[in-house]
Amino acid sequence: QVQLVESGGGSVQAGGSLRLSCAASGSIVRINAMGWYRQPPGKQREWVGGITSGFSTNYADSVKGRFTLSRDNAKNTMYLQMNSLTPEDTAIYYCYTNVLGTYTWGQGTQVTVSS
């Protein structure tokens, strides 16, 4: 039902910052569970963080203190602010929504962090 498009990926040096956006085709105001996964090269997909309709956030231990999730319901957009990036953050980043157990995924955006 809701289509998602990520943007904002690119190449940065270690210690740099990047802000990813996830634009939805429709309203996200009623979507309680949405967030981001990532897939590093040669590794399985891993959960990065999630945000609820009440703006509560949770993060994987690997990104706590460095990444921040936010959402702007008026713009139907979710964001992932990434600071203090390291080469271990290199991955394809995917945004998602989870409605009653059904996941919807974006196409993914590449983040590459060089040392």
Protein backbone atom coordinates (compact mmCIF):
# COMPACT_ATOMS: atom_id res chain seq x y z
CA GLN A 1 0.00 0.00 0.00
CA VAL A 2 2.70 2.47 1.03
CA GLN A 3 5.67 2.83 -1.31
CA LEU A 4 9.03 3.91 0.11
CA VAL A 5 11.97 5.64 -1.57
CA GLU A 6 15.33 6.17 0.16
CA SER A 7 17.74 8.96 -0.67
CA GLY A 8 20.79 10.66 0.77
CA GLY A 9 23.35 7.90 0.50
CA GLY A 10 26.87 8.49 -0.72
CA SER A 11 30.55 8.24 0.12
CA VAL A 12 32.08 9.89 3.16
CA GLN A 13 35.29 9.69 5.14
CA ALA A 14 35.45 8.11 8.57
CA GLY A 15 34.18 10.52 11.18
CA GLY A 16 31.82 12.19 8.75
CA SER A 17 28.04 12.47 8.74
CA LEU A 18 25.22 11.62 6.41
CA ARG A 19 21.45 12.05 6.54
CA LEU A 20 19.21 9.50 4.87
CA SER A 21 15.61 10.17 3.94
CA CYS A 22 12.75 7.76 3.39
CA ALA A 23 9.83 9.29 1.53
CA ALA A 24 6.49 7.49 1.60
CA SER A 25 3.87 7.69 -1.13
CA GLY A 26 1.08 8.08 1.40
CA SER A 27 0.40 9.10 4.95
CA ILE A 28 2.61 7.60 7.64
CA VAL A 29 0.82 9.16 10.59
CA ARG A 30 -0.91 5.89 11.49
CA ILE A 31 2.12 3.66 10.98
CA ASN A 32 3.44 2.67 14.38
CA ALA A 33 6.43 0.54 13.37
CA MET A 34 8.91 1.90 10.86
CA GLY A 35 12.65 2.29 10.68
CA TRP A 36 15.84 1.15 8.99
CA TYR A 37 17.81 -1.99 8.24
CA ARG A 38 21.21 -2.24 6.59
CA GLN A 39 23.17 -4.91 4.78
CA PRO A 40 26.97 -4.63 4.89
CA PRO A 41 28.91 -6.31 2.08
CA GLY A 42 29.23 -10.02 2.69
CA LYS A 43 26.99 -9.93 5.75
CA GLN A 44 23.35 -10.54 6.55
CA ARG A 45 20.82 -7.79 6.85
CA GLU A 46 20.78 -6.22 10.30
CA TRP A 47 18.32 -3.98 12.06
CA VAL A 48 19.50 -0.41 12.67
CA GLY A 49 16.65 1.24 14.50
CA GLY A 50 12.95 1.91 14.66
CA ILE A 51 10.54 4.71 15.49
CA THR A 52 6.91 4.53 16.58
CA SER A 53 3.92 6.72 15.84
CA GLY A 54 4.53 8.25 19.26
CA PHE A 55 8.10 9.16 18.24
CA SER A 56 9.73 6.63 20.56
CA THR A 57 12.99 5.29 19.17
CA ASN A 58 15.15 2.21 19.61
CA TYR A 59 18.56 1.48 18.15
CA ALA A 60 20.95 -1.37 17.62
CA ASP A 61 23.85 -1.28 20.06
CA SER A 62 26.27 -0.71 17.21
CA VAL A 63 24.75 2.68 16.34
CA LYS A 64 23.55 3.99 19.70
CA GLY A 65 24.80 7.48 20.38
CA ARG A 66 25.74 8.02 16.74
CA PHE A 67 22.52 7.57 14.76
CA THR A 68 19.23 9.39 15.29
CA LEU A 69 15.84 8.47 13.86
CA SER A 70 13.13 11.02 13.27
CA ARG A 71 9.92 11.36 11.31
CA ASP A 72 7.94 14.23 9.86
CA ASN A 73 4.39 13.03 9.42
CA ALA A 74 3.36 16.20 7.59
CA LYS A 75 5.99 15.44 4.93
CA ASN A 76 5.40 11.67 4.98
CA THR A 77 9.12 11.26 5.50
CA MET A 78 11.39 9.44 7.94
CA TYR A 79 15.04 10.32 8.48
CA LEU A 80 18.21 8.66 9.70
CA GLN A 81 20.92 11.05 10.83
CA MET A 82 24.27 9.25 10.93
CA ASN A 83 27.23 10.81 12.71
CA SER A 84 30.75 9.62 13.54
CA LEU A 85 30.62 7.15 10.69
CA THR A 86 33.11 4.30 10.51
CA PRO A 87 33.96 1.84 7.73
CA GLU A 88 31.83 -0.71 9.59
CA ASP A 89 28.79 1.42 8.71
CA THR A 90 29.32 0.75 5.02
CA ALA A 91 26.17 -0.95 3.77
CA ILE A 92 23.04 -0.65 1.71
CA TYR A 93 20.47 1.01 3.92
CA TYR A 94 16.79 0.13 3.61
CA CYS A 95 13.83 1.82 5.22
CA TYR A 96 10.75 -0.15 6.14
CA THR A 97 7.27 -0.07 7.52
CA ASN A 98 5.69 -2.95 9.39
CA VAL A 99 1.91 -3.04 9.46
CA LEU A 100 0.34 -6.05 11.15
CA GLY A 101 3.44 -8.11 10.42
CA THR A 102 3.67 -7.16 6.75
CA TYR A 103 6.89 -5.38 5.80
CA THR A 104 7.20 -2.83 3.03
CA TRP A 105 10.74 -1.98 1.88
CA GLY A 106 12.40 0.81 0.00
CA GLN A 107 14.87 0.20 -2.81
CA GLY A 108 17.89 0.91 -0.66
CA THR A 109 20.60 3.55 -0.74
CA GLN A 110 24.34 2.89 -0.64
CA VAL A 111 26.46 4.30 2.16
CA THR A 112 30.22 3.94 1.82
CA VAL A 113 32.60 5.07 4.56
CA SER A 114 36.29 5.18 3.75
CA SER A 115 39.23 5.25 6.14
